[in-house]
Structure formats: structure tokens, C-alpha cells
């Protein structure tokens, strides 16, 4: 089964192959040899020593990550490696964008870069104290919420692997995991509801409303 490579504007360009990537049984991130590369490049999960990753030359993007699972449902494989890559599949992205729009702020970031999340200010806005305060509040909310989707991604992937019949603490072959999804009852809708509940709990801890 293939994942979908999404451009910055959300268009499907070509598929991302799972190859022999695996879901780590500990951190739930992807790891293993990068498909279609002949130089032996491998994607590292969170368990790998950070100094090893820093010693590697970049593959051509902003960081050496070939692909990752949707950070809401964990059911769709997406491209990665660029600071402009979206963290969510299209159904989950639509839900997250609608939530942020309704809230009037970035409660759940859709990606790493602030501009992707509408966190920006015009020069005339920064010329007033009110504008500066408003932008600072917007930026603070974004920074405080940036880790939430990553933490949730590990949680939902762990839950999915168990629901799909794989061992709870063992590495899982990504291709097998994706092949099991269509016949399951897992859904992006249920995952989004849980993600929002988790974001609300985090927001209360950080003093957000």
C-alpha cells in the first residue's frame, strides 16, 4: 500500500512507498531503509542517538525524514523531510483547519512552519502596541501547541497497532500495518475527536482557554 505525497497546497503528486520501513515498537516512529535510495540511507526513529543523525549529510530536504504517518489518525503515510510538509492526511487536515478557523487561533498546528498555520503579522500591524500584543499571543499559542501532534502521533499509532492485531511493544512492518487498515474499523473521525480532547487537556495545563 502506498502513502500520498502532498505538496504545500495539498495536491497529490506521487505516492510514497513504505518499502521496508518499520514502526518502532518503543517510540512508534518510522525507521529503516529509505525506499528507492541506493546509498544505504536510513530513516532514524526517536530511539536513535541524536548525534548519529546530526553527523549524516542531508538528503536534499530540510531534515532526513522520508515519510511519516498522519499525526492525527496514524492511518495514512505522508511525505516528510521539508519544513513545509503537512502533518495530516486530507480528511484530518480539513478537520484541523476548520477547528483552528473556528477558534480564531492555531490550536493544533498543521505543520512545522508558522506561516503554514497563519501565524504571521503585517508590518503595519507591528507598528502598534495592540498589534504587537496580538501577534505575540498568536505566536505563543503556536509555540505552546507545536509538540502536541507529535506526542499524539505516538499515542494513536500505538493504539492502532494493537487494534490491527500487531504486538504492542514490537516493531511492525509498515507495509503490513498499512495493508491491515482498510479492513479495520479505525477512522480519521474518531482519531480527530481524541486529538481535540488531548489538545484541550494540554491547553488547560498551559493556561489556554
Protein backbone atom coordinates (compact mmCIF):
# COMPACT_ATOMS: atom_id res chain seq x y z
CA UNK A 1 0.00 0.00 0.00
CA UNK A 2 1.27 3.47 -0.83
CA UNK A 3 1.01 6.74 1.02
CA UNK A 4 0.32 10.07 -0.60
CA UNK A 5 2.94 12.77 -1.18
CA UNK A 6 1.31 16.15 -0.57
CA UNK A 7 2.57 19.47 -1.83
CA UNK A 8 2.32 22.68 0.17
CA UNK A 9 -1.12 23.42 -1.29
CA UNK A 10 -2.39 19.91 -0.54
CA UNK A 11 -2.23 18.43 -4.07
CA UNK A 12 -1.30 14.78 -4.55
CA UNK A 13 1.88 14.49 -6.62
CA UNK A 14 3.04 10.90 -6.39
CA UNK A 15 2.97 8.09 -3.92
CA UNK A 16 5.31 7.42 -1.03
CA UNK A 17 6.30 3.77 -0.77
CA UNK A 18 6.55 2.07 2.63
CA UNK A 19 9.31 -0.20 1.38
CA UNK A 20 10.89 -1.96 4.34
CA UNK A 21 10.27 0.83 6.81
CA UNK A 22 9.07 -0.31 10.22
CA UNK A 23 7.12 1.23 13.07
CA UNK A 24 9.34 1.24 16.14
CA UNK A 25 7.82 -0.76 19.00
CA UNK A 26 9.13 1.76 21.51
CA UNK A 27 8.70 5.33 20.19
CA UNK A 28 6.19 4.44 17.39
CA UNK A 29 8.06 6.49 14.83
CA UNK A 30 9.18 5.10 11.46
CA UNK A 31 12.64 3.70 10.90
CA UNK A 32 14.55 1.66 8.37
CA UNK A 33 15.98 1.83 4.84
CA UNK A 34 14.62 4.62 2.66
CA UNK A 35 12.85 3.21 -0.43
CA UNK A 36 14.45 3.78 -3.85
CA UNK A 37 17.76 5.01 -2.48
CA UNK A 38 20.96 3.19 -3.43
CA UNK A 39 23.26 4.95 -0.96
CA UNK A 40 22.07 2.99 2.06
CA UNK A 41 20.25 5.95 3.61
CA UNK A 42 18.07 5.01 6.54
CA UNK A 43 15.37 6.86 8.45
CA UNK A 44 16.00 7.02 12.18
CA UNK A 45 13.30 6.87 14.83
CA UNK A 46 13.31 8.79 18.12
CA UNK A 47 15.21 5.98 19.84
CA UNK A 48 18.36 6.55 17.77
CA UNK A 49 21.06 8.74 19.36
CA UNK A 50 20.61 12.31 18.13
CA UNK A 51 24.32 12.75 17.45
CA UNK A 52 24.15 10.00 14.82
CA UNK A 53 21.53 11.90 12.87
CA UNK A 54 23.44 15.17 13.06
CA UNK A 55 26.50 13.50 11.56
CA UNK A 56 24.65 12.46 8.40
CA UNK A 57 24.62 14.70 5.31
CA UNK A 58 21.18 15.99 4.31
CA UNK A 59 19.39 14.00 1.61
CA UNK A 60 18.28 17.17 -0.13
CA UNK A 61 15.49 18.42 2.15
CA UNK A 62 15.47 20.29 5.44
CA UNK A 63 15.98 17.16 7.54
CA UNK A 64 16.46 13.45 6.94
CA UNK A 65 12.96 12.04 7.24
CA UNK A 66 11.48 10.29 4.22
CA UNK A 67 7.94 9.69 5.45
CA UNK A 68 5.71 9.66 8.50
CA UNK A 69 2.18 8.63 9.39
CA UNK A 70 -0.61 11.18 9.70
CA UNK A 71 -0.25 12.77 13.12
CA UNK A 72 -3.98 12.59 13.77
CA UNK A 73 -5.28 9.21 12.58
CA UNK A 74 -1.99 7.39 12.01
CA UNK A 75 -3.60 5.58 9.08
CA UNK A 76 -2.09 7.37 6.07
CA UNK A 77 1.55 7.57 5.00
CA UNK A 78 2.76 11.07 4.12
CA UNK A 79 5.95 12.54 2.77
CA UNK A 80 8.32 14.34 5.10
CA UNK A 81 11.74 15.94 5.01
CA UNK A 82 10.63 19.54 4.40
CA UNK A 83 9.60 22.21 6.88
CA UNK A 84 6.61 22.79 4.58
CA UNK A 85 5.29 19.23 4.76
CA UNK A 86 1.79 18.90 6.21
CA UNK A 87 1.45 16.59 9.21
CA UNK A 88 -2.06 15.38 8.38
CA UNK A 89 -3.85 13.43 5.66
CA UNK A 90 -6.51 15.38 3.76
CA UNK A 91 -9.55 14.38 5.91
CA UNK A 92 -7.69 15.11 9.14
CA UNK A 93 -6.20 18.31 7.76
CA UNK A 94 -9.66 19.61 6.84
CA UNK A 95 -10.88 18.93 10.38
CA UNK A 96 -7.86 20.61 11.98
CA UNK A 97 -8.08 23.67 9.73
CA UNK A 98 -11.81 24.03 10.47
CA UNK A 99 -11.13 23.79 14.21
CA UNK A 100 -8.39 26.43 14.11
CA UNK A 101 -10.54 28.72 12.00
CA UNK A 102 -13.47 28.40 14.40
CA UNK A 103 -11.17 29.08 17.38
CA UNK A 104 -9.54 32.06 15.72
CA UNK A 105 -6.08 30.77 16.58
CA UNK A 106 -3.73 27.85 15.94
CA UNK A 107 -4.85 25.27 18.48
CA UNK A 108 -3.40 22.37 16.50
CA UNK A 109 -0.57 23.16 14.05
CA UNK A 110 -0.81 21.52 10.62
CA UNK A 111 2.97 21.61 10.16
CA UNK A 112 6.29 22.90 11.44
CA UNK A 113 6.40 26.37 9.89
CA UNK A 114 4.48 29.22 11.48
CA UNK A 115 3.40 30.60 8.09
CA UNK A 116 1.63 27.32 7.29
CA UNK A 117 -0.50 27.94 10.34
CA UNK A 118 -1.43 31.52 9.59
CA UNK A 119 0.90 32.82 12.30
CA UNK A 120 2.22 35.99 10.73
CA UNK A 121 1.92 39.77 11.00
CA UNK A 122 1.99 42.63 8.53
CA UNK A 123 4.47 45.44 9.09
CA UNK A 124 1.66 47.92 9.80
CA UNK A 125 0.25 45.58 12.45
CA UNK A 126 3.57 45.54 14.28
CA UNK A 127 3.56 49.33 14.32
CA UNK A 128 1.00 49.43 17.12
CA UNK A 129 1.14 48.08 20.66
CA UNK A 130 -2.17 46.28 20.21
CA UNK A 131 -0.89 44.62 17.04
CA UNK A 132 2.33 43.50 18.70
CA UNK A 133 0.45 42.04 21.67
CA UNK A 134 -1.98 40.22 19.36
CA UNK A 135 0.83 38.73 17.28
CA UNK A 136 2.78 37.73 20.41
CA UNK A 137 -0.30 35.95 21.73
CA UNK A 138 -0.77 34.17 18.42
CA UNK A 139 2.88 33.11 18.32
CA UNK A 140 2.85 31.95 21.94
CA UNK A 141 -0.16 29.73 21.24
CA UNK A 142 1.57 28.22 18.21
CA UNK A 143 4.80 27.51 20.07
CA UNK A 144 2.96 26.00 23.04
CA UNK A 145 0.97 23.66 20.80
CA UNK A 146 3.74 22.56 18.41
CA UNK A 147 4.63 19.36 20.30
CA UNK A 148 1.05 18.19 20.74
CA UNK A 149 0.59 16.46 17.35
CA UNK A 150 3.92 14.62 17.72
CA UNK A 151 3.00 13.27 21.14
CA UNK A 152 -0.46 12.30 19.91
CA UNK A 153 1.01 10.58 16.82
CA UNK A 154 2.91 8.13 19.02
CA UNK A 155 -0.20 7.50 21.12
CA UNK A 156 -2.55 6.84 18.21
CA UNK A 157 -0.02 4.68 16.35
CA UNK A 158 0.47 2.53 19.43
CA UNK A 159 -3.30 2.16 19.77
CA UNK A 160 -3.67 1.37 16.06
CA UNK A 161 -1.04 -1.37 16.07
CA UNK A 162 -2.87 -3.16 18.87
CA UNK A 163 -6.28 -2.67 17.21
CA UNK A 164 -4.88 -4.10 13.96
CA UNK A 165 -3.64 -7.23 15.74
CA UNK A 166 0.06 -6.49 15.99
CA UNK A 167 2.10 -6.82 19.17
CA UNK A 168 2.02 -3.84 21.48
CA UNK A 169 5.77 -3.45 22.02
CA UNK A 170 7.40 -4.94 18.93
CA UNK A 171 8.49 -3.40 15.65
CA UNK A 172 5.82 -3.63 12.95
CA UNK A 173 6.50 -3.72 9.22
CA UNK A 174 4.91 -0.56 7.84
CA UNK A 175 3.60 -2.24 4.68
CA UNK A 176 1.78 -4.85 6.77
CA UNK A 177 0.33 -2.15 9.01
CA UNK A 178 -1.00 -0.11 6.07
CA UNK A 179 -2.41 -3.24 4.40
CA UNK A 180 -4.43 -4.01 7.53
CA UNK A 181 -6.04 -0.56 7.74
CA UNK A 182 -8.77 -0.89 5.05
CA UNK A 183 -10.34 -3.91 6.74
CA UNK A 184 -10.42 -2.28 10.18
CA UNK A 185 -12.93 -0.06 11.97
CA UNK A 186 -10.33 2.65 12.60
CA UNK A 187 -11.30 6.09 11.30
CA UNK A 188 -9.95 9.59 10.97
CA UNK A 189 -13.12 10.98 12.55
CA UNK A 190 -12.67 9.07 15.81
CA UNK A 191 -8.97 9.92 15.91
CA UNK A 192 -9.68 13.63 15.42
CA UNK A 193 -12.15 13.63 18.31
CA UNK A 194 -9.48 12.12 20.55
CA UNK A 195 -6.82 14.52 19.30
CA UNK A 196 -9.03 17.51 20.13
CA UNK A 197 -9.68 16.15 23.62
CA UNK A 198 -5.95 15.75 24.15
CA UNK A 199 -5.28 19.28 22.86
CA UNK A 200 -7.85 20.69 25.27
CA UNK A 201 -6.18 18.99 28.22
CA UNK A 202 -2.80 20.35 27.12
CA UNK A 203 -4.29 23.81 26.67
CA UNK A 204 -5.68 23.83 30.21
CA UNK A 205 -2.29 22.83 31.59
CA UNK A 206 -0.69 25.73 29.72
CA UNK A 207 -3.35 28.17 30.88
CA UNK A 208 -5.07 28.49 27.47
CA UNK A 209 -8.83 28.71 27.08
